[in-house]
Amino acid sequence: MRIRYGRDTVRFRISETCLGGYGKVRVSVRSGDVDPQTGKQRTDWLPSRRSFTGWVARG
């Protein structure tokens, strides 16, 4: 997936059966790309490096 930061929004759905039928989950997101000017890998974490958000309610 190619994301243009600042212009794009990413949404996805996961079936409840995939999560074992739980009504709420905690989320951690890591994304990365290569800086075109330096050639170095950039990484961004949500909410912070190797941590989870609070509980996210269904819906």
N, C-alpha and C. Protein backbone atom coordinates (compact mmCIF):
# COMPACT_ATOMS: atom_id res chain seq x y z
N MET A 1 0.84 -1.15 0.00
CA MET A 1 0.00 0.00 0.00
C MET A 1 0.90 1.24 0.00
N ARG A 2 0.61 2.18 -0.84
CA ARG A 2 1.37 3.44 -0.87
C ARG A 2 0.50 4.54 -0.28
N ILE A 3 1.01 5.19 0.76
CA ILE A 3 0.26 6.24 1.45
C ILE A 3 0.96 7.57 1.21
N ARG A 4 0.21 8.55 0.80
CA ARG A 4 0.75 9.91 0.66
C ARG A 4 0.36 10.66 1.92
N TYR A 5 1.29 10.77 2.83
CA TYR A 5 1.03 11.43 4.11
C TYR A 5 0.56 12.86 3.89
N GLY A 6 -0.40 13.29 4.68
CA GLY A 6 -0.95 14.62 4.54
C GLY A 6 -2.12 14.69 3.58
N ARG A 7 -2.25 13.70 2.70
CA ARG A 7 -3.37 13.69 1.74
C ARG A 7 -4.27 12.48 1.91
N ASP A 8 -3.70 11.37 2.36
CA ASP A 8 -4.46 10.11 2.40
C ASP A 8 -4.92 9.76 3.81
N THR A 9 -6.00 9.02 3.86
CA THR A 9 -6.50 8.42 5.09
C THR A 9 -6.62 6.94 4.84
N VAL A 10 -6.16 6.15 5.78
CA VAL A 10 -6.23 4.70 5.63
C VAL A 10 -7.28 4.17 6.60
N ARG A 11 -8.18 3.36 6.08
CA ARG A 11 -9.20 2.71 6.90
C ARG A 11 -9.19 1.23 6.54
N PHE A 12 -9.45 0.41 7.53
CA PHE A 12 -9.57 -1.01 7.25
C PHE A 12 -10.54 -1.63 8.24
N ARG A 13 -11.06 -2.77 7.85
CA ARG A 13 -12.01 -3.49 8.70
C ARG A 13 -11.48 -4.89 8.94
N ILE A 14 -11.75 -5.38 10.13
CA ILE A 14 -11.40 -6.75 10.49
C ILE A 14 -12.66 -7.39 11.04
N SER A 15 -12.94 -8.60 10.60
CA SER A 15 -14.15 -9.25 11.07
C SER A 15 -14.06 -9.54 12.56
N GLU A 16 -15.20 -9.52 13.21
CA GLU A 16 -15.24 -9.79 14.64
C GLU A 16 -14.74 -11.20 14.95
N THR A 17 -15.03 -12.13 14.06
CA THR A 17 -14.59 -13.51 14.29
C THR A 17 -13.06 -13.61 14.27
N CYS A 18 -12.42 -12.76 13.50
CA CYS A 18 -10.96 -12.73 13.46
C CYS A 18 -10.39 -12.34 14.82
N LEU A 19 -11.10 -11.49 15.54
CA LEU A 19 -10.67 -11.01 16.85
C LEU A 19 -11.23 -11.84 17.99
N GLY A 20 -11.91 -12.91 17.67
CA GLY A 20 -12.46 -13.76 18.71
C GLY A 20 -13.76 -13.25 19.30
N GLY A 21 -14.44 -12.35 18.58
CA GLY A 21 -15.73 -11.85 19.04
C GLY A 21 -15.66 -10.74 20.08
N TYR A 22 -14.49 -10.18 20.30
CA TYR A 22 -14.36 -9.10 21.28
C TYR A 22 -15.02 -7.82 20.78
N GLY A 23 -15.60 -7.05 21.68
CA GLY A 23 -16.29 -5.82 21.33
C GLY A 23 -15.37 -4.61 21.26
N LYS A 24 -14.18 -4.72 21.84
CA LYS A 24 -13.23 -3.61 21.77
C LYS A 24 -11.81 -4.17 21.73
N VAL A 25 -10.90 -3.40 21.18
CA VAL A 25 -9.51 -3.83 21.01
C VAL A 25 -8.57 -2.68 21.33
N ARG A 26 -7.30 -2.98 21.44
CA ARG A 26 -6.25 -1.96 21.53
C ARG A 26 -5.45 -2.04 20.24
N VAL A 27 -4.91 -0.91 19.81
CA VAL A 27 -4.28 -0.83 18.49
C VAL A 27 -2.87 -0.27 18.61
N SER A 28 -2.00 -0.80 17.76
CA SER A 28 -0.67 -0.24 17.58
C SER A 28 -0.41 -0.22 16.08
N VAL A 29 0.12 0.88 15.57
CA VAL A 29 0.36 1.01 14.14
C VAL A 29 1.79 1.47 13.91
N ARG A 30 2.47 0.81 12.96
CA ARG A 30 3.79 1.24 12.56
C ARG A 30 3.77 1.40 11.04
N SER A 31 4.27 2.52 10.58
CA SER A 31 4.38 2.73 9.13
C SER A 31 5.78 3.22 8.84
N GLY A 32 6.18 3.04 7.61
CA GLY A 32 7.52 3.48 7.26
C GLY A 32 7.67 3.70 5.77
N ASP A 33 8.67 4.46 5.43
CA ASP A 33 9.01 4.69 4.04
C ASP A 33 10.47 5.12 3.96
N VAL A 34 10.92 5.38 2.77
CA VAL A 34 12.30 5.82 2.55
C VAL A 34 12.28 7.30 2.18
N ASP A 35 13.07 8.09 2.88
CA ASP A 35 13.19 9.52 2.58
C ASP A 35 13.84 9.67 1.21
N PRO A 36 13.16 10.29 0.24
CA PRO A 36 13.71 10.39 -1.12
C PRO A 36 14.98 11.24 -1.20
N GLN A 37 15.17 12.14 -0.26
CA GLN A 37 16.36 13.01 -0.30
C GLN A 37 17.58 12.34 0.31
N THR A 38 17.38 11.58 1.39
CA THR A 38 18.53 10.99 2.07
C THR A 38 18.67 9.49 1.81
N GLY A 39 17.59 8.84 1.37
CA GLY A 39 17.62 7.40 1.16
C GLY A 39 17.51 6.60 2.45
N LYS A 40 17.27 7.27 3.58
CA LYS A 40 17.17 6.60 4.87
C LYS A 40 15.74 6.18 5.16
N GLN A 41 15.61 5.06 5.87
CA GLN A 41 14.30 4.56 6.29
C GLN A 41 13.73 5.46 7.37
N ARG A 42 12.44 5.83 7.23
CA ARG A 42 11.72 6.60 8.26
C ARG A 42 10.62 5.72 8.81
N THR A 43 10.41 5.77 10.12
CA THR A 43 9.38 4.97 10.77
C THR A 43 8.54 5.87 11.65
N ASP A 44 7.22 5.67 11.61
CA ASP A 44 6.30 6.43 12.45
C ASP A 44 5.43 5.44 13.20
N TRP A 45 5.20 5.67 14.48
CA TRP A 45 4.41 4.79 15.34
C TRP A 45 3.19 5.53 15.86
N LEU A 46 2.10 4.78 16.05
CA LEU A 46 0.91 5.29 16.71
C LEU A 46 0.60 4.35 17.86
N PRO A 47 0.41 4.79 19.07
CA PRO A 47 0.53 6.14 19.57
C PRO A 47 1.98 6.54 19.84
N SER A 48 2.82 5.61 20.21
CA SER A 48 4.25 5.84 20.37
C SER A 48 4.96 4.50 20.17
N ARG A 49 6.25 4.52 20.09
CA ARG A 49 7.01 3.32 19.76
C ARG A 49 6.65 2.14 20.65
N ARG A 50 6.24 1.07 20.01
CA ARG A 50 5.93 -0.21 20.65
C ARG A 50 4.97 -0.09 21.83
N SER A 51 3.92 0.67 21.63
CA SER A 51 2.88 0.80 22.65
C SER A 51 1.51 0.69 21.99
N PHE A 52 0.48 0.59 22.81
CA PHE A 52 -0.88 0.45 22.30
C PHE A 52 -1.73 1.66 22.68
N THR A 53 -2.76 1.90 21.89
CA THR A 53 -3.74 2.93 22.24
C THR A 53 -4.56 2.43 23.42
N GLY A 54 -5.44 3.27 23.91
CA GLY A 54 -6.42 2.81 24.88
C GLY A 54 -7.41 1.88 24.19
N TRP A 55 -8.38 1.39 24.93
CA TRP A 55 -9.38 0.49 24.34
C TRP A 55 -10.22 1.25 23.31
N VAL A 56 -10.38 0.64 22.16
CA VAL A 56 -11.18 1.22 21.07
C VAL A 56 -12.50 0.47 21.02
N ALA A 57 -13.58 1.20 21.21
CA ALA A 57 -14.91 0.58 21.21
C ALA A 57 -15.32 0.23 19.79
N ARG A 58 -16.19 -0.72 19.68
CA ARG A 58 -16.71 -1.18 18.39
C ARG A 58 -17.51 -0.05 17.73
N GLY A 59 -17.40 0.02 16.40
CA GLY A 59 -18.18 0.99 15.66
C GLY A 59 -17.37 2.11 15.22
